[in-house]
Amino acid sequence: MTYVRLEGSTVTALVVFVPEEYIDGVPCAGIGYAVPQGYRGQGRAKEIIRAGIADMQYGLGLQGIPAFYVEAIVGADNSASRRVAEQLISTTPEAMTDGLSGLPAFRYIRLIEKAGSG
């Protein structure tokens, strides 16, 4: 699932949710997010991630899926994205080495439950 915020025809924020391996039998969506340079520092990443999670929560709930995980792998040198992940996903990330780049990274995971179930 891909969500974008537009101003006219200009993308001002983007978040992508990609199916990942289940965690303890619960579906997991890997997320990636981006905000173009001229739109950063305005809360746009947080806004679109919150909206995307809420939409996924609603849609999966309609399918009888009461919970899912979100996971973000963020480069250790990307302080802005790490701040977003720490505010919205987890304050206790796991240090790791990114499997694609081979660079230091952090893994953020959060369980999202159906409203009223947790």
PDB file of N, CA and C in Angstrom:
ATOM      1  N   MET A   1       0.851  -1.169   0.000  1.00  0.00           N
ATOM      2  CA  MET A   1       0.000   0.000   0.000  1.00  0.00           C
ATOM      3  C   MET A   1       0.901   1.237   0.000  1.00  0.00           C
ATOM      4  N   THR A   2       0.543   2.183  -0.817  1.00  0.00           N
ATOM      5  CA  THR A   2       1.275   3.442  -0.894  1.00  0.00           C
ATOM      6  C   THR A   2       0.316   4.594  -0.631  1.00  0.00           C
ATOM      7  N   TYR A   3       0.736   5.500   0.222  1.00  0.00           N
ATOM      8  CA  TYR A   3      -0.057   6.686   0.542  1.00  0.00           C
ATOM      9  C   TYR A   3       0.793   7.911   0.236  1.00  0.00           C
ATOM     10  N   VAL A   4       0.171   8.917  -0.379  1.00  0.00           N
ATOM     11  CA  VAL A   4       0.874  10.164  -0.667  1.00  0.00           C
ATOM     12  C   VAL A   4       0.024  11.346  -0.241  1.00  0.00           C
ATOM     13  N   ARG A   5       0.689  12.425   0.091  1.00  0.00           N
ATOM     14  CA  ARG A   5       0.039  13.721   0.298  1.00  0.00           C
ATOM     15  C   ARG A   5       0.491  14.599  -0.857  1.00  0.00           C
ATOM     16  N   LEU A   6      -0.469  15.300  -1.432  1.00  0.00           N
ATOM     17  CA  LEU A   6      -0.172  16.151  -2.578  1.00  0.00           C
ATOM     18  C   LEU A   6      -0.521  17.600  -2.293  1.00  0.00           C
ATOM     19  N   GLU A   7       0.240  18.490  -2.885  1.00  0.00           N
ATOM     20  CA  GLU A   7      -0.126  19.901  -3.008  1.00  0.00           C
ATOM     21  C   GLU A   7      -0.136  20.152  -4.499  1.00  0.00           C
ATOM     22  N   GLY A   8      -1.338  20.228  -5.058  1.00  0.00           N
ATOM     23  CA  GLY A   8      -1.451  20.258  -6.515  1.00  0.00           C
ATOM     24  C   GLY A   8      -0.998  18.904  -7.040  1.00  0.00           C
ATOM     25  N   SER A   9      -0.005  18.917  -7.895  1.00  0.00           N
ATOM     26  CA  SER A   9       0.532  17.660  -8.415  1.00  0.00           C
ATOM     27  C   SER A   9       1.885  17.309  -7.783  1.00  0.00           C
ATOM     28  N   THR A  10       2.251  18.019  -6.724  1.00  0.00           N
ATOM     29  CA  THR A  10       3.530  17.796  -6.057  1.00  0.00           C
ATOM     30  C   THR A  10       3.366  16.874  -4.851  1.00  0.00           C
ATOM     31  N   VAL A  11       4.131  15.803  -4.813  1.00  0.00           N
ATOM     32  CA  VAL A  11       4.124  14.907  -3.656  1.00  0.00           C
ATOM     33  C   VAL A  11       4.864  15.606  -2.521  1.00  0.00           C
ATOM     34  N   THR A  12       4.183  15.750  -1.373  1.00  0.00           N
ATOM     35  CA  THR A  12       4.805  16.405  -0.225  1.00  0.00           C
ATOM     36  C   THR A  12       5.152  15.425   0.885  1.00  0.00           C
ATOM     37  N   ALA A  13       4.637  14.192   0.802  1.00  0.00           N
ATOM     38  CA  ALA A  13       4.976  13.137   1.756  1.00  0.00           C
ATOM     39  C   ALA A  13       4.505  11.813   1.172  1.00  0.00           C
ATOM     40  N   LEU A  14       5.236  10.750   1.514  1.00  0.00           N
ATOM     41  CA  LEU A  14       4.930   9.428   0.990  1.00  0.00           C
ATOM     42  C   LEU A  14       5.251   8.382   2.041  1.00  0.00           C
ATOM     43  N   VAL A  15       4.388   7.382   2.167  1.00  0.00           N
ATOM     44  CA  VAL A  15       4.696   6.222   2.998  1.00  0.00           C
ATOM     45  C   VAL A  15       4.254   4.985   2.232  1.00  0.00           C
ATOM     46  N   VAL A  16       5.070   3.947   2.305  1.00  0.00           N
ATOM     47  CA  VAL A  16       4.799   2.680   1.637  1.00  0.00           C
ATOM     48  C   VAL A  16       4.787   1.586   2.689  1.00  0.00           C
ATOM     49  N   PHE A  17       3.781   0.717   2.631  1.00  0.00           N
ATOM     50  CA  PHE A  17       3.682  -0.448   3.502  1.00  0.00           C
ATOM     51  C   PHE A  17       3.856  -1.690   2.636  1.00  0.00           C
ATOM     52  N   VAL A  18       4.814  -2.545   2.992  1.00  0.00           N
ATOM     53  CA  VAL A  18       5.125  -3.741   2.222  1.00  0.00           C
ATOM     54  C   VAL A  18       4.997  -4.956   3.127  1.00  0.00           C
ATOM     55  N   PRO A  19       4.287  -6.006   2.687  1.00  0.00           N
ATOM     56  CA  PRO A  19       4.173  -7.204   3.532  1.00  0.00           C
ATOM     57  C   PRO A  19       5.544  -7.795   3.853  1.00  0.00           C
ATOM     58  N   GLU A  20       5.752  -8.111   5.105  1.00  0.00           N
ATOM     59  CA  GLU A  20       6.980  -8.759   5.572  1.00  0.00           C
ATOM     60  C   GLU A  20       6.592 -10.088   6.205  1.00  0.00           C
ATOM     61  N   GLU A  21       7.573 -10.799   6.713  1.00  0.00           N
ATOM     62  CA  GLU A  21       7.292 -12.068   7.377  1.00  0.00           C
ATOM     63  C   GLU A  21       6.503 -11.823   8.653  1.00  0.00           C
ATOM     64  N   TYR A  22       5.631 -12.775   8.975  1.00  0.00           N
ATOM     65  CA  TYR A  22       4.836 -12.683  10.201  1.00  0.00           C
ATOM     66  C   TYR A  22       5.753 -12.692  11.423  1.00  0.00           C
ATOM     67  N   ILE A  23       5.318 -12.051  12.476  1.00  0.00           N
ATOM     68  CA  ILE A  23       6.007 -12.065  13.762  1.00  0.00           C
ATOM     69  C   ILE A  23       5.070 -12.746  14.752  1.00  0.00           C
ATOM     70  N   ASP A  24       5.493 -13.883  15.283  1.00  0.00           N
ATOM     71  CA  ASP A  24       4.668 -14.640  16.231  1.00  0.00           C
ATOM     72  C   ASP A  24       3.248 -14.856  15.709  1.00  0.00           C
ATOM     73  N   GLY A  25       3.127 -15.174  14.422  1.00  0.00           N
ATOM     74  CA  GLY A  25       1.828 -15.453  13.825  1.00  0.00           C
ATOM     75  C   GLY A  25       1.000 -14.239  13.467  1.00  0.00           C
ATOM     76  N   VAL A  26       1.558 -13.046  13.638  1.00  0.00           N
ATOM     77  CA  VAL A  26       0.840 -11.797  13.369  1.00  0.00           C
ATOM     78  C   VAL A  26       1.444 -11.144  12.116  1.00  0.00           C
ATOM     79  N   PRO A  27       0.599 -10.677  11.178  1.00  0.00           N
ATOM     80  CA  PRO A  27       1.132 -10.032   9.971  1.00  0.00           C
ATOM     81  C   PRO A  27       2.024  -8.835  10.312  1.00  0.00           C
ATOM     82  N   CYS A  28       2.981  -8.588   9.442  1.00  0.00           N
ATOM     83  CA  CYS A  28       3.902  -7.468   9.620  1.00  0.00           C
ATOM     84  C   CYS A  28       4.012  -6.695   8.315  1.00  0.00           C
ATOM     85  N   ALA A  29       3.992  -5.376   8.417  1.00  0.00           N
ATOM     86  CA  ALA A  29       4.174  -4.506   7.258  1.00  0.00           C
ATOM     87  C   ALA A  29       5.444  -3.685   7.468  1.00  0.00           C
ATOM     88  N   GLY A  30       6.379  -3.831   6.556  1.00  0.00           N
ATOM     89  CA  GLY A  30       7.555  -2.978   6.562  1.00  0.00           C
ATOM     90  C   GLY A  30       7.158  -1.627   6.005  1.00  0.00           C
ATOM     91  N   ILE A  31       7.650  -0.553   6.606  1.00  0.00           N
ATOM     92  CA  ILE A  31       7.287   0.770   6.104  1.00  0.00           C
ATOM     93  C   ILE A  31       8.530   1.550   5.692  1.00  0.00           C
ATOM     94  N   GLY A  32       8.327   2.347   4.665  1.00  0.00           N
ATOM     95  CA  GLY A  32       9.330   3.297   4.225  1.00  0.00           C
ATOM     96  C   GLY A  32       8.633   4.625   4.029  1.00  0.00           C
ATOM     97  N   TYR A  33       9.305   5.703   4.333  1.00  0.00           N
ATOM     98  CA  TYR A  33       8.665   7.016   4.216  1.00  0.00           C
ATOM     99  C   TYR A  33       9.669   8.039   3.739  1.00  0.00           C
ATOM    100  N   ALA A  34       9.140   9.057   3.085  1.00  0.00           N
ATOM    101  CA  ALA A  34      10.011  10.102   2.556  1.00  0.00           C
ATOM    102  C   ALA A  34       9.226  11.409   2.454  1.00  0.00           C
ATOM    103  N   VAL A  35       9.951  12.492   2.628  1.00  0.00           N
ATOM    104  CA  VAL A  35       9.404  13.836   2.464  1.00  0.00           C
ATOM    105  C   VAL A  35      10.441  14.619   1.655  1.00  0.00           C
ATOM    106  N   PRO A  36      10.033  15.232   0.541  1.00  0.00           N
ATOM    107  CA  PRO A  36      10.983  16.013  -0.243  1.00  0.00           C
ATOM    108  C   PRO A  36      11.612  17.133   0.587  1.00  0.00           C
ATOM    109  N   GLN A  37      12.825  17.471   0.246  1.00  0.00           N
ATOM    110  CA  GLN A  37      13.635  18.432   0.992  1.00  0.00           C
ATOM    111  C   GLN A  37      12.878  19.701   1.389  1.00  0.00           C
ATOM    112  N   GLY A  38      12.177  20.315   0.480  1.00  0.00           N
ATOM    113  CA  GLY A  38      11.501  21.581   0.764  1.00  0.00           C
ATOM    114  C   GLY A  38      10.314  21.486   1.707  1.00  0.00           C
ATOM    115  N   TYR A  39       9.897  20.253   2.053  1.00  0.00           N
ATOM    116  CA  TYR A  39       8.721  20.062   2.904  1.00  0.00           C
ATOM    117  C   TYR A  39       9.071  19.430   4.254  1.00  0.00           C
ATOM    118  N   ARG A  40      10.340  19.241   4.517  1.00  0.00           N
ATOM    119  CA  ARG A  40      10.767  18.597   5.755  1.00  0.00           C
ATOM    120  C   ARG A  40      10.636  19.533   6.948  1.00  0.00           C
ATOM    121  N   GLY A  41      10.590  18.936   8.138  1.00  0.00           N
ATOM    122  CA  GLY A  41      10.541  19.704   9.369  1.00  0.00           C
ATOM    123  C   GLY A  41       9.171  20.291   9.668  1.00  0.00           C
ATOM    124  N   GLN A  42       8.126  19.791   9.011  1.00  0.00           N
ATOM    125  CA  GLN A  42       6.777  20.311   9.190  1.00  0.00           C
ATOM    126  C   GLN A  42       5.815  19.253   9.741  1.00  0.00           C
ATOM    127  N   GLY A  43       6.332  18.090  10.116  1.00  0.00           N
ATOM    128  CA  GLY A  43       5.478  17.030  10.649  1.00  0.00           C
ATOM    129  C   GLY A  43       4.778  16.195   9.593  1.00  0.00           C
ATOM    130  N   ARG A  44       5.161  16.349   8.352  1.00  0.00           N
ATOM    131  CA  ARG A  44       4.482  15.643   7.261  1.00  0.00           C
ATOM    132  C   ARG A  44       4.702  14.133   7.314  1.00  0.00           C
ATOM    133  N   ALA A  45       5.900  13.691   7.655  1.00  0.00           N
ATOM    134  CA  ALA A  45       6.149  12.245   7.742  1.00  0.00           C
ATOM    135  C   ALA A  45       5.278  11.629   8.828  1.00  0.00           C
ATOM    136  N   LYS A  46       5.245  12.254   9.990  1.00  0.00           N
ATOM    137  CA  LYS A  46       4.420  11.723  11.080  1.00  0.00           C
ATOM    138  C   LYS A  46       2.945  11.691  10.686  1.00  0.00           C
ATOM    139  N   GLU A  47       2.480  12.742  10.048  1.00  0.00           N
ATOM    140  CA  GLU A  47       1.071  12.808   9.642  1.00  0.00           C
ATOM    141  C   GLU A  47       0.714  11.677   8.689  1.00  0.00           C
ATOM    142  N   ILE A  48       1.525  11.453   7.675  1.00  0.00           N
ATOM    143  CA  ILE A  48       1.163  10.439   6.685  1.00  0.00           C
ATOM    144  C   ILE A  48       1.335   9.024   7.239  1.00  0.00           C
ATOM    145  N   ILE A  49       2.306   8.824   8.118  1.00  0.00           N
ATOM    146  CA  ILE A  49       2.454   7.500   8.743  1.00  0.00           C
ATOM    147  C   ILE A  49       1.243   7.208   9.625  1.00  0.00           C
ATOM    148  N   ARG A  50       0.833   8.176  10.444  1.00  0.00           N
ATOM    149  CA  ARG A  50      -0.359   7.980  11.287  1.00  0.00           C
ATOM    150  C   ARG A  50      -1.586   7.656  10.436  1.00  0.00           C
ATOM    151  N   ALA A  51      -1.777   8.414   9.359  1.00  0.00           N
ATOM    152  CA  ALA A  51      -2.939   8.193   8.491  1.00  0.00           C
ATOM    153  C   ALA A  51      -2.868   6.832   7.819  1.00  0.00           C
ATOM    154  N   GLY A  52      -1.692   6.443   7.367  1.00  0.00           N
ATOM    155  CA  GLY A  52      -1.531   5.146   6.729  1.00  0.00           C
ATOM    156  C   GLY A  52      -1.791   3.998   7.689  1.00  0.00           C
ATOM    157  N   ILE A  53      -1.262   4.108   8.904  1.00  0.00           N
ATOM    158  CA  ILE A  53      -1.504   3.073   9.915  1.00  0.00           C
ATOM    159  C   ILE A  53      -2.990   2.986  10.236  1.00  0.00           C
ATOM    160  N   ALA A  54      -3.649   4.119  10.390  1.00  0.00           N
ATOM    161  CA  ALA A  54      -5.083   4.116  10.696  1.00  0.00           C
ATOM    162  C   ALA A  54      -5.875   3.457   9.572  1.00  0.00           C
ATOM    163  N   ASP A  55      -5.522   3.740   8.329  1.00  0.00           N
ATOM    164  CA  ASP A  55      -6.218   3.145   7.198  1.00  0.00           C
ATOM    165  C   ASP A  55      -5.964   1.637   7.134  1.00  0.00           C
ATOM    166  N   MET A  56      -4.726   1.229   7.363  1.00  0.00           N
ATOM    167  CA  MET A  56      -4.406  -0.200   7.380  1.00  0.00           C
ATOM    168  C   MET A  56      -5.152  -0.886   8.520  1.00  0.00           C
ATOM    169  N   GLN A  57      -5.184  -0.256   9.666  1.00  0.00           N
ATOM    170  CA  GLN A  57      -5.886  -0.806  10.837  1.00  0.00           C
ATOM    171  C   GLN A  57      -7.360  -1.009  10.507  1.00  0.00           C
ATOM    172  N   TYR A  58      -7.972  -0.028   9.888  1.00  0.00           N
ATOM    173  CA  TYR A  58      -9.379  -0.120   9.513  1.00  0.00           C
ATOM    174  C   TYR A  58      -9.599  -1.227   8.481  1.00  0.00           C
ATOM    175  N   GLY A  59      -8.818  -1.213   7.411  1.00  0.00           N
ATOM    176  CA  GLY A  59      -8.979  -2.193   6.338  1.00  0.00           C
ATOM    177  C   GLY A  59      -8.732  -3.616   6.786  1.00  0.00           C
ATOM    178  N   LEU A  60      -7.679  -3.825   7.571  1.00  0.00           N
ATOM    179  CA  LEU A  60      -7.397  -5.172   8.068  1.00  0.00           C
ATOM    180  C   LEU A  60      -8.466  -5.610   9.062  1.00  0.00           C
ATOM    181  N   GLY A  61      -8.957  -4.674   9.861  1.00  0.00           N
ATOM    182  CA  GLY A  61     -10.031  -4.989  10.805  1.00  0.00           C
ATOM    183  C   GLY A  61     -11.274  -5.483  10.089  1.00  0.00           C
ATOM    184  N   LEU A  62     -11.587  -4.886   8.943  1.00  0.00           N
ATOM    185  CA  LEU A  62     -12.738  -5.334   8.157  1.00  0.00           C
ATOM    186  C   LEU A  62     -12.556  -6.764   7.658  1.00  0.00           C
ATOM    187  N   GLN A  63     -11.299  -7.173   7.501  1.00  0.00           N
ATOM    188  CA  GLN A  63     -10.993  -8.524   7.042  1.00  0.00           C
ATOM    189  C   GLN A  63     -10.834  -9.499   8.206  1.00  0.00           C
ATOM    190  N   GLY A  64     -11.133  -9.035   9.419  1.00  0.00           N
ATOM    191  CA  GLY A  64     -11.037  -9.898  10.591  1.00  0.00           C
ATOM    192  C   GLY A  64      -9.630 -10.045  11.133  1.00  0.00           C
ATOM    193  N   ILE A  65      -8.730  -9.150  10.748  1.00  0.00           N
ATOM    194  CA  ILE A  65      -7.347  -9.180  11.249  1.00  0.00           C
ATOM    195  C   ILE A  65      -7.242  -8.110  12.326  1.00  0.00           C
ATOM    196  N   PRO A  66      -7.221  -8.511  13.607  1.00  0.00           N
ATOM    197  CA  PRO A  66      -7.302  -7.536  14.699  1.00  0.00           C
ATOM    198  C   PRO A  66      -5.990  -6.824  15.033  1.00  0.00           C
ATOM    199  N   ALA A  67      -4.869  -7.330  14.525  1.00  0.00           N
ATOM    200  CA  ALA A  67      -3.584  -6.722  14.886  1.00  0.00           C
ATOM    201  C   ALA A  67      -2.565  -6.975  13.778  1.00  0.00           C
ATOM    202  N   PHE A  68      -1.598  -6.083  13.709  1.00  0.00           N
ATOM    203  CA  PHE A  68      -0.473  -6.265  12.791  1.00  0.00           C
ATOM    204  C   PHE A  68       0.707  -5.479  13.332  1.00  0.00           C
ATOM    205  N   TYR A  69       1.878  -5.855  12.898  1.00  0.00           N
ATOM    206  CA  TYR A  69       3.087  -5.133  13.267  1.00  0.00           C
ATOM    207  C   TYR A  69       3.471  -4.184  12.144  1.00  0.00           C
ATOM    208  N   VAL A  70       4.105  -3.081  12.507  1.00  0.00           N
ATOM    209  CA  VAL A  70       4.807  -2.242  11.544  1.00  0.00           C
ATOM    210  C   VAL A  70       6.282  -2.293  11.913  1.00  0.00           C
ATOM    211  N   GLU A  71       7.109  -2.295  10.892  1.00  0.00           N
ATOM    212  CA  GLU A  71       8.555  -2.385  11.081  1.00  0.00           C
ATOM    213  C   GLU A  71       9.232  -1.378  10.163  1.00  0.00           C
ATOM    214  N   ALA A  72      10.167  -0.628  10.709  1.00  0.00           N
ATOM    215  CA  ALA A  72      10.962   0.302   9.907  1.00  0.00           C
ATOM    216  C   ALA A  72      12.430   0.010  10.157  1.00  0.00           C
ATOM    217  N   ILE A  73      13.181  -0.113   9.087  1.00  0.00           N
ATOM    218  CA  ILE A  73      14.638  -0.239   9.161  1.00  0.00           C
ATOM    219  C   ILE A  73      15.191   1.119   8.733  1.00  0.00           C
ATOM    220  N   VAL A  74      15.897   1.788   9.630  1.00  0.00           N
ATOM    221  CA  VAL A  74      16.368   3.149   9.375  1.00  0.00           C
ATOM    222  C   VAL A  74      17.883   3.198   9.542  1.00  0.00           C
ATOM    223  N   GLY A  75      18.545   3.782   8.575  1.00  0.00           N
ATOM    224  CA  GLY A  75      19.989   3.935   8.636  1.00  0.00           C
ATOM    225  C   GLY A  75      20.410   4.695   9.885  1.00  0.00           C
ATOM    226  N   ALA A  76      21.488   4.235  10.518  1.00  0.00           N
ATOM    227  CA  ALA A  76      21.963   4.860  11.754  1.00  0.00           C
ATOM    228  C   ALA A  76      22.314   6.331  11.541  1.00  0.00           C
ATOM    229  N   ASP A  77      22.673   6.699  10.320  1.00  0.00           N
ATOM    230  CA  ASP A  77      23.066   8.082  10.043  1.00  0.00           C
ATOM    231  C   ASP A  77      21.892   8.987   9.672  1.00  0.00           C
ATOM    232  N   ASN A  78      20.671   8.426   9.631  1.00  0.00           N
ATOM    233  CA  ASN A  78      19.497   9.207   9.233  1.00  0.00           C
ATOM    234  C   ASN A  78      18.745   9.676  10.484  1.00  0.00           C
ATOM    235  N   SER A  79      19.255  10.723  11.111  1.00  0.00           N
ATOM    236  CA  SER A  79      18.704  11.160  12.394  1.00  0.00           C
ATOM    237  C   SER A  79      17.257  11.637  12.289  1.00  0.00           C
ATOM    238  N   ALA A  80      16.877  12.277  11.199  1.00  0.00           N
ATOM    239  CA  ALA A  80      15.497  12.759  11.061  1.00  0.00           C
ATOM    240  C   ALA A  80      14.525  11.582  10.995  1.00  0.00           C
ATOM    241  N   SER A  81      14.823  10.583  10.199  1.00  0.00           N
ATOM    242  CA  SER A  81      13.944   9.411  10.101  1.00  0.00           C
ATOM    243  C   SER A  81      13.948   8.608  11.391  1.00  0.00           C
ATOM    244  N   ARG A  82      15.069   8.587  12.074  1.00  0.00           N
ATOM    245  CA  ARG A  82      15.112   7.891  13.361  1.00  0.00           C
ATOM    246  C   ARG A  82      14.208   8.586  14.373  1.00  0.00           C
ATOM    247  N   ARG A  83      14.194   9.919  14.390  1.00  0.00           N
ATOM    248  CA  ARG A  83      13.305  10.647  15.313  1.00  0.00           C
ATOM    249  C   ARG A  83      11.840  10.319  15.024  1.00  0.00           C
ATOM    250  N   VAL A  84      11.474  10.281  13.760  1.00  0.00           N
ATOM    251  CA  VAL A  84      10.095   9.934  13.392  1.00  0.00           C
ATOM    252  C   VAL A  84       9.769   8.523  13.876  1.00  0.00           C
ATOM    253  N   ALA A  85      10.651   7.560  13.600  1.00  0.00           N
ATOM    254  CA  ALA A  85      10.414   6.172  14.007  1.00  0.00           C
ATOM    255  C   ALA A  85      10.334   6.039  15.527  1.00  0.00           C
ATOM    256  N   GLU A  86      11.174   6.786  16.240  1.00  0.00           N
ATOM    257  CA  GLU A  86      11.150   6.722  17.706  1.00  0.00           C
ATOM    258  C   GLU A  86       9.864   7.315  18.272  1.00  0.00           C
ATOM    259  N   GLN A  87       9.301   8.304  17.609  1.00  0.00           N
ATOM    260  CA  GLN A  87       8.059   8.919  18.095  1.00  0.00           C
ATOM    261  C   GLN A  87       6.825   8.094  17.744  1.00  0.00           C
ATOM    262  N   LEU A  88       6.845   7.391  16.615  1.00  0.00           N
ATOM    263  CA  LEU A  88       5.641   6.705  16.153  1.00  0.00           C
ATOM    264  C   LEU A  88       5.684   5.182  16.231  1.00  0.00           C
ATOM    265  N   ILE A  89       6.883   4.613  16.263  1.00  0.00           N
ATOM    266  CA  ILE A  89       6.955   3.154  16.201  1.00  0.00           C
ATOM    267  C   ILE A  89       7.509   2.562  17.489  1.00  0.00           C
ATOM    268  N   SER A  90       8.705   2.947  17.887  1.00  0.00           N
ATOM    269  CA  SER A  90       9.290   2.359  19.100  1.00  0.00           C
ATOM    270  C   SER A  90      10.412   3.240  19.631  1.00  0.00           C
ATOM    271  N   THR A  91      10.474   3.341  20.944  1.00  0.00           N
ATOM    272  CA  THR A  91      11.579   4.084  21.567  1.00  0.00           C
ATOM    273  C   THR A  91      12.738   3.163  21.904  1.00  0.00           C
ATOM    274  N   THR A  92      12.603   1.873  21.601  1.00  0.00           N
ATOM    275  CA  THR A  92      13.664   0.900  21.901  1.00  0.00           C
ATOM    276  C   THR A  92      14.023   0.107  20.644  1.00  0.00           C
ATOM    277  N   PRO A  93      14.667   0.765  19.677  1.00  0.00           N
ATOM    278  CA  PRO A  93      15.025   0.058  18.455  1.00  0.00           C
ATOM    279  C   PRO A  93      16.151  -0.942  18.692  1.00  0.00           C
ATOM    280  N   GLU A  94      16.245  -1.889  17.776  1.00  0.00           N
ATOM    281  CA  GLU A  94      17.313  -2.897  17.801  1.00  0.00           C
ATOM    282  C   GLU A  94      18.401  -2.462  16.826  1.00  0.00           C
ATOM    283  N   ALA A  95      19.630  -2.347  17.312  1.00  0.00           N
ATOM    284  CA  ALA A  95      20.753  -2.032  16.428  1.00  0.00           C
ATOM    285  C   ALA A  95      21.023  -3.236  15.532  1.00  0.00           C
ATOM    286  N   MET A  96      21.342  -2.977  14.263  1.00  0.00           N
ATOM    287  CA  MET A  96      21.556  -4.055  13.304  1.00  0.00           C
ATOM    288  C   MET A  96      22.430  -3.557  12.167  1.00  0.00           C
ATOM    289  N   THR A  97      22.730  -4.455  11.262  1.00  0.00           N
ATOM    290  CA  THR A  97      23.386  -4.103  10.011  1.00  0.00           C
ATOM    291  C   THR A  97      22.364  -4.310   8.909  1.00  0.00           C
ATOM    292  N   ASP A  98      22.110  -3.283   8.107  1.00  0.00           N
ATOM    293  CA  ASP A  98      21.143  -3.383   7.021  1.00  0.00           C
ATOM    294  C   ASP A  98      21.602  -4.459   6.039  1.00  0.00           C
ATOM    295  N   GLY A  99      20.701  -5.375   5.725  1.00  0.00           N
ATOM    296  CA  GLY A  99      21.031  -6.493   4.850  1.00  0.00           C
ATOM    297  C   GLY A  99      21.328  -6.086   3.422  1.00  0.00           C
ATOM    298  N   LEU A 100      20.773  -4.971   2.962  1.00  0.00           N
ATOM    299  CA  LEU A 100      21.012  -4.535   1.587  1.00  0.00           C
ATOM    300  C   LEU A 100      22.260  -3.679   1.456  1.00  0.00           C
ATOM    301  N   SER A 101      22.406  -2.707   2.321  1.00  0.00           N
ATOM    302  CA  SER A 101      23.524  -1.763   2.198  1.00  0.00           C
ATOM    303  C   SER A 101      24.767  -2.214   2.957  1.00  0.00           C
ATOM    304  N   GLY A 102      24.570  -3.060   3.981  1.00  0.00           N
ATOM    305  CA  GLY A 102      25.687  -3.460   4.833  1.00  0.00           C
ATOM    306  C   GLY A 102      26.082  -2.396   5.839  1.00  0.00           C
ATOM    307  N   LEU A 103      25.267  -1.338   5.948  1.00  0.00           N
ATOM    308  CA  LEU A 103      25.572  -0.227   6.848  1.00  0.00           C
ATOM    309  C   LEU A 103      24.827  -0.376   8.176  1.00  0.00           C
ATOM    310  N   PRO A 104      25.311   0.288   9.224  1.00  0.00           N
ATOM    311  CA  PRO A 104      24.615   0.254  10.512  1.00  0.00           C
ATOM    312  C   PRO A 104      23.213   0.836  10.384  1.00  0.00           C
ATOM    313  N   ALA A 105      22.272   0.212  11.085  1.00  0.00           N
ATOM    314  CA  ALA A 105      20.879   0.645  11.016  1.00  0.00           C
ATOM    315  C   ALA A 105      20.193   0.308  12.331  1.00  0.00           C
ATOM    316  N   PHE A 106      18.952   0.748  12.441  1.00  0.00           N
ATOM    317  CA  PHE A 106      18.113   0.417  13.588  1.00  0.00           C
ATOM    318  C   PHE A 106      16.807  -0.168  13.074  1.00  0.00           C
ATOM    319  N   ARG A 107      16.305  -1.156  13.788  1.00  0.00           N
ATOM    320  CA  ARG A 107      15.027  -1.797  13.469  1.00  0.00           C
ATOM    321  C   ARG A 107      14.011  -1.388  14.528  1.00  0.00           C
ATOM    322  N   TYR A 108      12.935  -0.759  14.064  1.00  0.00           N
ATOM    323  CA  TYR A 108      11.852  -0.304  14.934  1.00  0.00           C
ATOM    324  C   TYR A 108      10.631  -1.180  14.664  1.00  0.00           C
ATOM    325  N   ILE A 109      10.000  -1.697  15.724  1.00  0.00           N
ATOM    326  CA  ILE A 109       8.820  -2.557  15.567  1.00  0.00           C
ATOM    327  C   ILE A 109       7.737  -2.105  16.527  1.00  0.00           C
ATOM    328  N   ARG A 110       6.486  -2.132  16.053  1.00  0.00           N
ATOM    329  CA  ARG A 110       5.354  -1.781  16.909  1.00  0.00           C
ATOM    330  C   ARG A 110       4.152  -2.647  16.549  1.00  0.00           C
ATOM    331  N   LEU A 111       3.472  -3.156  17.559  1.00  0.00           N
ATOM    332  CA  LEU A 111       2.231  -3.887  17.365  1.00  0.00           C
ATOM    333  C   LEU A 111       1.075  -2.892  17.309  1.00  0.00           C
ATOM    334  N   ILE A 112       0.296  -2.958  16.251  1.00  0.00           N
ATOM    335  CA  ILE A 112      -0.886  -2.113  16.095  1.00  0.00           C
ATOM    336  C   ILE A 112      -2.098  -3.011  16.309  1.00  0.00           C
ATOM    337  N   GLU A 113      -2.912  -2.669  17.296  1.00  0.00           N
ATOM    338  CA  GLU A 113      -4.085  -3.474  17.593  1.00  0.00           C
ATOM    339  C   GLU A 113      -5.355  -2.727  17.252  1.00  0.00           C
ATOM    340  N   LYS A 114      -6.393  -3.482  16.977  1.00  0.00           N
ATOM    341  CA  LYS A 114      -7.703  -2.913  16.694  1.00  0.00           C
ATOM    342  C   LYS A 114      -8.113  -2.014  17.860  1.00  0.00           C
ATOM    343  N   ALA A 115      -8.655  -0.867  17.548  1.00  0.00           N
ATOM    344  CA  ALA A 115      -9.097   0.065  18.592  1.00  0.00           C
ATOM    345  C   ALA A 115      -9.999  -0.647  19.582  1.00  0.00           C
ATOM    346  N   GLY A 116      -9.707  -0.474  20.865  1.00  0.00           N
ATOM    347  CA  GLY A 116     -10.504  -1.077  21.913  1.00  0.00           C
ATOM    348  C   GLY A 116     -10.079  -2.491  22.280  1.00  0.00           C
ATOM    349  N   SER A 117      -9.062  -3.051  21.563  1.00  0.00           N
ATOM    350  CA  SER A 117      -8.664  -4.433  21.871  1.00  0.00           C
ATOM    351  C   SER A 117      -7.411  -4.499  22.724  1.00  0.00           C
ATOM    352  N   GLY A 118      -6.763  -3.372  22.985  1.00  0.00           N
ATOM    353  CA  GLY A 118      -5.533  -3.447  23.755  1.00  0.00           C
ATOM    354  C   GLY A 118      -5.394  -2.245  24.521  1.00  0.00           C
TER     355      GLY A 118
END
